[in-house]
Amino acid sequence: MGCGRVGSTLTRSLEERGHTTAVIDSNPDAFRRLGPGFSGVTVTGMGFDREVLIKAGIERADAFAAVSSGDNSNIISARVAREQFKVDNVVARIYDPGRAEVYERLGVPTVATVPWAADQVLRRLVPAGTEPAWRDQSGDVRLDTIYAPFSWIGHKIAELEEAAGVRVAYLTRLGSGLIAQPETVIQEGDYLSLFMREDAAQQAHDALGAGPEAE
């Protein structure tokens, strides 16, 4: 639901991946954003209207995304899709971060647009390494990306994880992504993606910088 810049981009991305899509918008002119190559269904109406949703094929949908410009419309549509039509995979875009937290607790996955955008801009303004690549919505867990410190080269992932209190999610080596295993030996040039707790991030980075001698 919603054929603005986000909705139209999302739709094209889904089609490029081989999915069939239906797009709902209250303004029929919005469908022009889909381009002449769009092969799905367009339905004019409100995304929380049962008849509109049925016309768009909600009864056989595998997923539903509510990405209009209105928080209320998005959350109502998402709840109708989840609760009345039993669509398992539902997500709603929410501008108000306070509301996003409430709806997450109600079981409706949300994308809080303003905090996400602000965080992305912040990461480009402040010195490298001071802001994580990602935070979970609670703010308790963060993902940091760093080049493997020289002192850790030749040591196993398990040693680094234990010393720094982090979890290596994956690493990039010579341009290829690798799922890190405990026995994986760190090599020069490895780019590590590390999960850590926000309240222990400084200690983790201190341990990473100190090297295995600090164990």
C-alpha atoms as a PDB file:
ATOM      1  CA  MET A   1       0.000   0.000   0.000  1.00  0.00           C
ATOM      2  CA  GLY A   2       1.384   3.361  -1.080  1.00  0.00           C
ATOM      3  CA  CYS A   3       2.875   4.184  -4.457  1.00  0.00           C
ATOM      4  CA  GLY A   4       5.173   7.027  -3.507  1.00  0.00           C
ATOM      5  CA  ARG A   5       8.932   6.892  -3.963  1.00  0.00           C
ATOM      6  CA  VAL A   6       9.349   4.107  -1.415  1.00  0.00           C
ATOM      7  CA  GLY A   7       6.404   2.032  -2.603  1.00  0.00           C
ATOM      8  CA  SER A   8       7.267   2.267  -6.284  1.00  0.00           C
ATOM      9  CA  THR A   9      10.946   1.479  -5.652  1.00  0.00           C
ATOM     10  CA  LEU A  10       9.993  -1.476  -3.442  1.00  0.00           C
ATOM     11  CA  THR A  11       7.603  -2.777  -6.099  1.00  0.00           C
ATOM     12  CA  ARG A  12      10.203  -2.617  -8.863  1.00  0.00           C
ATOM     13  CA  SER A  13      12.748  -4.359  -6.621  1.00  0.00           C
ATOM     14  CA  LEU A  14      10.290  -7.163  -5.878  1.00  0.00           C
ATOM     15  CA  GLU A  15       9.456  -7.611  -9.560  1.00  0.00           C
ATOM     16  CA  GLU A  16      13.143  -7.753 -10.444  1.00  0.00           C
ATOM     17  CA  ARG A  17      13.398 -10.670  -8.005  1.00  0.00           C
ATOM     18  CA  GLY A  18      10.588 -12.542  -9.726  1.00  0.00           C
ATOM     19  CA  HIS A  19       7.714 -11.686  -7.375  1.00  0.00           C
ATOM     20  CA  THR A  20       4.199 -10.774  -8.445  1.00  0.00           C
ATOM     21  CA  THR A  21       2.930  -7.570  -6.839  1.00  0.00           C
ATOM     22  CA  ALA A  22      -0.239  -5.546  -6.430  1.00  0.00           C
ATOM     23  CA  VAL A  23      -0.091  -1.857  -5.517  1.00  0.00           C
ATOM     24  CA  ILE A  24      -2.780   0.152  -3.734  1.00  0.00           C
ATOM     25  CA  ASP A  25      -2.938   3.942  -3.672  1.00  0.00           C
ATOM     26  CA  SER A  26      -5.723   6.461  -3.193  1.00  0.00           C
ATOM     27  CA  ASN A  27      -4.326   8.603  -6.029  1.00  0.00           C
ATOM     28  CA  PRO A  28      -4.422   6.868  -9.424  1.00  0.00           C
ATOM     29  CA  ASP A  29      -1.801   9.269 -10.796  1.00  0.00           C
ATOM     30  CA  ALA A  30       0.712   7.764  -8.359  1.00  0.00           C
ATOM     31  CA  PHE A  31       0.853   4.568 -10.415  1.00  0.00           C
ATOM     32  CA  ARG A  32       2.824   6.421 -13.086  1.00  0.00           C
ATOM     33  CA  ARG A  33       5.867   5.973 -10.839  1.00  0.00           C
ATOM     34  CA  LEU A  34       5.776   2.250 -11.567  1.00  0.00           C
ATOM     35  CA  GLY A  35       6.838   2.813 -15.160  1.00  0.00           C
ATOM     36  CA  PRO A  36       5.612   1.190 -18.381  1.00  0.00           C
ATOM     37  CA  GLY A  37       7.243  -2.144 -17.583  1.00  0.00           C
ATOM     38  CA  PHE A  38       5.134  -2.822 -14.477  1.00  0.00           C
ATOM     39  CA  SER A  39       3.302  -6.127 -14.921  1.00  0.00           C
ATOM     40  CA  GLY A  40       1.376  -6.313 -11.654  1.00  0.00           C
ATOM     41  CA  VAL A  41      -2.004  -5.077 -10.466  1.00  0.00           C
ATOM     42  CA  THR A  42      -2.912  -1.515  -9.471  1.00  0.00           C
ATOM     43  CA  VAL A  43      -5.921  -0.779  -7.270  1.00  0.00           C
ATOM     44  CA  THR A  44      -7.209   2.701  -6.454  1.00  0.00           C
ATOM     45  CA  GLY A  45      -8.511   3.048  -2.902  1.00  0.00           C
ATOM     46  CA  MET A  46      -7.619   3.033   0.768  1.00  0.00           C
ATOM     47  CA  GLY A  47      -5.343   0.232   1.921  1.00  0.00           C
ATOM     48  CA  PHE A  48      -7.361  -0.482   5.053  1.00  0.00           C
ATOM     49  CA  ASP A  49     -10.604  -1.003   3.106  1.00  0.00           C
ATOM     50  CA  ARG A  50     -11.418  -4.725   3.062  1.00  0.00           C
ATOM     51  CA  GLU A  51     -12.902  -4.643  -0.434  1.00  0.00           C
ATOM     52  CA  VAL A  52      -9.877  -2.810  -1.797  1.00  0.00           C
ATOM     53  CA  LEU A  53      -7.526  -5.320  -0.183  1.00  0.00           C
ATOM     54  CA  ILE A  54      -9.511  -8.244  -1.556  1.00  0.00           C
ATOM     55  CA  LYS A  55      -9.455  -6.695  -5.039  1.00  0.00           C
ATOM     56  CA  ALA A  56      -5.669  -6.425  -4.735  1.00  0.00           C
ATOM     57  CA  GLY A  57      -5.433 -10.122  -3.882  1.00  0.00           C
ATOM     58  CA  ILE A  58      -4.778  -9.971  -0.139  1.00  0.00           C
ATOM     59  CA  GLU A  59      -6.399 -13.387   0.350  1.00  0.00           C
ATOM     60  CA  ARG A  60      -3.554 -15.077  -1.542  1.00  0.00           C
ATOM     61  CA  ALA A  61      -0.753 -12.682  -0.576  1.00  0.00           C
ATOM     62  CA  ASP A  62       2.467 -13.922   0.998  1.00  0.00           C
ATOM     63  CA  ALA A  63       3.389 -10.469   2.316  1.00  0.00           C
ATOM     64  CA  PHE A  64       2.007  -6.967   2.802  1.00  0.00           C
ATOM     65  CA  ALA A  65       3.900  -3.674   3.085  1.00  0.00           C
ATOM     66  CA  ALA A  66       2.192  -0.486   4.236  1.00  0.00           C
ATOM     67  CA  VAL A  67       4.410   2.365   3.001  1.00  0.00           C
ATOM     68  CA  SER A  68       2.069   5.297   2.439  1.00  0.00           C
ATOM     69  CA  SER A  69       2.858   8.747   3.848  1.00  0.00           C
ATOM     70  CA  GLY A  70       0.458   8.374   6.789  1.00  0.00           C
ATOM     71  CA  ASP A  71       1.319   6.560  10.024  1.00  0.00           C
ATOM     72  CA  ASN A  72      -2.321   5.892  10.887  1.00  0.00           C
ATOM     73  CA  SER A  73      -3.152   4.486   7.445  1.00  0.00           C
ATOM     74  CA  ASN A  74      -0.068   2.297   7.505  1.00  0.00           C
ATOM     75  CA  ILE A  75      -0.653   0.784  10.907  1.00  0.00           C
ATOM     76  CA  ILE A  76      -4.395   0.222  10.380  1.00  0.00           C
ATOM     77  CA  SER A  77      -3.744  -1.419   7.007  1.00  0.00           C
ATOM     78  CA  ALA A  78      -0.996  -3.587   8.463  1.00  0.00           C
ATOM     79  CA  ARG A  79      -3.203  -4.742  11.318  1.00  0.00           C
ATOM     80  CA  VAL A  80      -6.086  -5.530   8.961  1.00  0.00           C
ATOM     81  CA  ALA A  81      -3.740  -7.581   6.773  1.00  0.00           C
ATOM     82  CA  ARG A  82      -2.295  -9.409   9.786  1.00  0.00           C
ATOM     83  CA  GLU A  83      -5.382  -9.903  11.936  1.00  0.00           C
ATOM     84  CA  GLN A  84      -8.240 -10.237   9.452  1.00  0.00           C
ATOM     85  CA  PHE A  85      -6.525 -11.771   6.436  1.00  0.00           C
ATOM     86  CA  LYS A  86      -3.865 -13.707   8.383  1.00  0.00           C
ATOM     87  CA  VAL A  87      -0.934 -12.508   6.265  1.00  0.00           C
ATOM     88  CA  ASP A  88       2.155 -13.664   8.154  1.00  0.00           C
ATOM     89  CA  ASN A  89       4.743 -11.316   6.677  1.00  0.00           C
ATOM     90  CA  VAL A  90       3.594  -7.721   7.315  1.00  0.00           C
ATOM     91  CA  VAL A  91       5.601  -4.527   7.741  1.00  0.00           C
ATOM     92  CA  ALA A  92       4.575  -0.893   8.214  1.00  0.00           C
ATOM     93  CA  ARG A  93       6.544   2.285   7.687  1.00  0.00           C
ATOM     94  CA  ILE A  94       6.147   4.655  10.641  1.00  0.00           C
ATOM     95  CA  TYR A  95       7.496   8.185  10.946  1.00  0.00           C
ATOM     96  CA  ASP A  96       6.855   8.598  14.671  1.00  0.00           C
ATOM     97  CA  PRO A  97       9.483   6.530  16.592  1.00  0.00           C
ATOM     98  CA  GLY A  98       7.274   6.438  19.712  1.00  0.00           C
ATOM     99  CA  ARG A  99       4.465   4.827  17.774  1.00  0.00           C
ATOM    100  CA  ALA A 100       6.880   2.437  16.093  1.00  0.00           C
ATOM    101  CA  GLU A 101       7.910   1.026  19.474  1.00  0.00           C
ATOM    102  CA  VAL A 102       4.282   0.529  20.502  1.00  0.00           C
ATOM    103  CA  TYR A 103       3.375  -1.263  17.279  1.00  0.00           C
ATOM    104  CA  GLU A 104       6.444  -3.480  17.498  1.00  0.00           C
ATOM    105  CA  ARG A 105       5.207  -4.631  20.903  1.00  0.00           C
ATOM    106  CA  LEU A 106       1.818  -5.354  19.326  1.00  0.00           C
ATOM    107  CA  GLY A 107       3.546  -7.687  16.901  1.00  0.00           C
ATOM    108  CA  VAL A 108       3.551  -5.489  13.799  1.00  0.00           C
ATOM    109  CA  PRO A 109       7.101  -5.074  12.428  1.00  0.00           C
ATOM    110  CA  THR A 110       7.798  -1.432  11.633  1.00  0.00           C
ATOM    111  CA  VAL A 111      10.411   0.657   9.874  1.00  0.00           C
ATOM    112  CA  ALA A 112      10.816   3.929  11.770  1.00  0.00           C
ATOM    113  CA  THR A 113      11.808   6.212   8.902  1.00  0.00           C
ATOM    114  CA  VAL A 114      12.978   9.337  10.726  1.00  0.00           C
ATOM    115  CA  PRO A 115      15.330   7.670  13.249  1.00  0.00           C
ATOM    116  CA  TRP A 116      16.770   5.459  10.502  1.00  0.00           C
ATOM    117  CA  ALA A 117      17.433   8.395   8.184  1.00  0.00           C
ATOM    118  CA  ALA A 118      18.898  10.500  10.987  1.00  0.00           C
ATOM    119  CA  ASP A 119      21.191   7.643  11.988  1.00  0.00           C
ATOM    120  CA  GLN A 120      22.406   7.185   8.412  1.00  0.00           C
ATOM    121  CA  VAL A 121      23.205  10.904   8.105  1.00  0.00           C
ATOM    122  CA  LEU A 122      24.900  10.931  11.513  1.00  0.00           C
ATOM    123  CA  ARG A 123      27.196   8.085  10.485  1.00  0.00           C
ATOM    124  CA  ARG A 124      28.394  10.182   7.547  1.00  0.00           C
ATOM    125  CA  LEU A 125      28.978  13.311   9.623  1.00  0.00           C
ATOM    126  CA  VAL A 126      30.891  11.995  12.626  1.00  0.00           C
ATOM    127  CA  PRO A 127      34.396  10.483  12.573  1.00  0.00           C
ATOM    128  CA  ALA A 128      34.631   6.916  11.292  1.00  0.00           C
ATOM    129  CA  GLY A 129      34.205   4.258  13.949  1.00  0.00           C
ATOM    130  CA  THR A 130      32.251   6.382  16.411  1.00  0.00           C
ATOM    131  CA  GLU A 131      28.848   5.271  15.134  1.00  0.00           C
ATOM    132  CA  PRO A 132      27.753   1.687  14.403  1.00  0.00           C
ATOM    133  CA  ALA A 133      26.668   0.429  11.011  1.00  0.00           C
ATOM    134  CA  TRP A 134      23.314  -0.582  12.528  1.00  0.00           C
ATOM    135  CA  ARG A 135      21.363  -0.573  15.803  1.00  0.00           C
ATOM    136  CA  ASP A 136      18.386  -2.700  16.669  1.00  0.00           C
ATOM    137  CA  GLN A 137      15.209  -0.803  17.420  1.00  0.00           C
ATOM    138  CA  SER A 138      15.616  -1.171  21.197  1.00  0.00           C
ATOM    139  CA  GLY A 139      19.054   0.448  21.004  1.00  0.00           C
ATOM    140  CA  ASP A 140      20.595  -2.382  23.025  1.00  0.00           C
ATOM    141  CA  VAL A 141      22.466  -4.178  20.236  1.00  0.00           C
ATOM    142  CA  ARG A 142      24.695  -2.671  17.558  1.00  0.00           C
ATOM    143  CA  LEU A 143      26.612  -3.862  14.521  1.00  0.00           C
ATOM    144  CA  ASP A 144      30.099  -2.429  13.989  1.00  0.00           C
ATOM    145  CA  THR A 145      32.282  -2.968  10.933  1.00  0.00           C
ATOM    146  CA  ILE A 146      36.063  -2.736  11.248  1.00  0.00           C
ATOM    147  CA  TYR A 147      39.187  -3.973   9.545  1.00  0.00           C
ATOM    148  CA  ALA A 148      40.788  -6.745  11.559  1.00  0.00           C
ATOM    149  CA  PRO A 149      43.294  -5.166  13.982  1.00  0.00           C
ATOM    150  CA  PHE A 150      46.858  -6.156  13.101  1.00  0.00           C
ATOM    151  CA  SER A 151      47.394  -7.780  16.520  1.00  0.00           C
ATOM    152  CA  TRP A 152      44.571 -10.265  15.830  1.00  0.00           C
ATOM    153  CA  ILE A 153      45.902 -11.528  12.494  1.00  0.00           C
ATOM    154  CA  GLY A 154      46.647 -15.241  12.753  1.00  0.00           C
ATOM    155  CA  HIS A 155      44.275 -15.759  15.674  1.00  0.00           C
ATOM    156  CA  LYS A 156      40.948 -17.559  15.602  1.00  0.00           C
ATOM    157  CA  ILE A 157      37.563 -15.863  15.544  1.00  0.00           C
ATOM    158  CA  ALA A 158      36.673 -17.637  18.801  1.00  0.00           C
ATOM    159  CA  GLU A 159      39.609 -16.002  20.585  1.00  0.00           C
ATOM    160  CA  LEU A 160      38.583 -12.529  19.437  1.00  0.00           C
ATOM    161  CA  GLU A 161      34.945 -13.087  20.393  1.00  0.00           C
ATOM    162  CA  GLU A 162      35.833 -14.265  23.875  1.00  0.00           C
ATOM    163  CA  ALA A 163      38.313 -11.461  24.552  1.00  0.00           C
ATOM    164  CA  ALA A 164      36.099  -8.633  23.274  1.00  0.00           C
ATOM    165  CA  GLY A 165      32.673  -9.984  24.219  1.00  0.00           C
ATOM    166  CA  VAL A 166      31.408  -9.701  20.646  1.00  0.00           C
ATOM    167  CA  ARG A 167      29.932 -11.995  18.014  1.00  0.00           C
ATOM    168  CA  VAL A 168      31.461 -11.933  14.530  1.00  0.00           C
ATOM    169  CA  ALA A 169      28.472 -12.212  12.212  1.00  0.00           C
ATOM    170  CA  TYR A 170      30.460 -12.418   8.989  1.00  0.00           C
ATOM    171  CA  LEU A 171      33.618 -11.127   7.396  1.00  0.00           C
ATOM    172  CA  THR A 172      34.604  -9.861   3.971  1.00  0.00           C
ATOM    173  CA  ARG A 173      37.836 -11.278   2.567  1.00  0.00           C
ATOM    174  CA  LEU A 174      39.249 -10.327  -0.837  1.00  0.00           C
ATOM    175  CA  GLY A 175      35.840  -9.006  -1.870  1.00  0.00           C
ATOM    176  CA  SER A 176      33.877 -12.127  -0.874  1.00  0.00           C
ATOM    177  CA  GLY A 177      31.583 -12.505   2.117  1.00  0.00           C
ATOM    178  CA  LEU A 178      32.234 -15.387   4.504  1.00  0.00           C
ATOM    179  CA  ILE A 179      30.203 -16.698   7.431  1.00  0.00           C
ATOM    180  CA  ALA A 180      32.627 -16.651  10.348  1.00  0.00           C
ATOM    181  CA  GLN A 181      33.206 -19.923  12.194  1.00  0.00           C
ATOM    182  CA  PRO A 182      34.880 -20.198  15.621  1.00  0.00           C
ATOM    183  CA  GLU A 183      37.900 -21.860  14.012  1.00  0.00           C
ATOM    184  CA  THR A 184      38.235 -19.302  11.197  1.00  0.00           C
ATOM    185  CA  VAL A 185      41.708 -17.740  11.308  1.00  0.00           C
ATOM    186  CA  ILE A 186      41.771 -13.968  10.891  1.00  0.00           C
ATOM    187  CA  GLN A 187      43.811 -12.754   7.921  1.00  0.00           C
ATOM    188  CA  GLU A 188      45.262  -9.379   7.024  1.00  0.00           C
ATOM    189  CA  GLY A 189      42.668  -7.238   5.245  1.00  0.00           C
ATOM    190  CA  ASP A 190      39.653  -9.055   6.700  1.00  0.00           C
ATOM    191  CA  TYR A 191      36.706  -6.697   7.203  1.00  0.00           C
ATOM    192  CA  LEU A 192      34.777  -7.841  10.272  1.00  0.00           C
ATOM    193  CA  SER A 193      31.107  -7.277  11.053  1.00  0.00           C
ATOM    194  CA  LEU A 194      30.660  -7.496  14.825  1.00  0.00           C
ATOM    195  CA  PHE A 195      27.533  -7.626  16.962  1.00  0.00           C
ATOM    196  CA  MET A 196      27.945  -6.186  20.466  1.00  0.00           C
ATOM    197  CA  ARG A 197      25.885  -4.659  23.245  1.00  0.00           C
ATOM    198  CA  GLU A 198      25.621  -0.888  23.134  1.00  0.00           C
ATOM    199  CA  ASP A 199      26.481  -0.533  26.826  1.00  0.00           C
ATOM    200  CA  ALA A 200      29.646  -2.603  26.363  1.00  0.00           C
ATOM    201  CA  ALA A 201      30.784  -1.159  23.021  1.00  0.00           C
ATOM    202  CA  GLN A 202      33.668   0.877  24.438  1.00  0.00           C
ATOM    203  CA  GLN A 203      35.058  -2.097  26.350  1.00  0.00           C
ATOM    204  CA  ALA A 204      34.738  -4.235  23.235  1.00  0.00           C
ATOM    205  CA  HIS A 205      36.675  -1.781  21.099  1.00  0.00           C
ATOM    206  CA  ASP A 206      39.302  -1.387  23.816  1.00  0.00           C
ATOM    207  CA  ALA A 207      39.781  -5.166  23.868  1.00  0.00           C
ATOM    208  CA  LEU A 208      39.957  -5.309  20.081  1.00  0.00           C
ATOM    209  CA  GLY A 209      42.609  -2.611  20.061  1.00  0.00           C
ATOM    210  CA  ALA A 210      44.616  -4.176  22.891  1.00  0.00           C
ATOM    211  CA  GLY A 211      44.917  -7.474  21.093  1.00  0.00           C
ATOM    212  CA  PRO A 212      45.063 -11.066  22.396  1.00  0.00           C
ATOM    213  CA  GLU A 213      47.833 -10.222  24.883  1.00  0.00           C
ATOM    214  CA  ALA A 214      45.198  -8.534  27.053  1.00  0.00           C
ATOM    215  CA  GLU A 215      43.252 -11.782  27.675  1.00  0.00           C
END
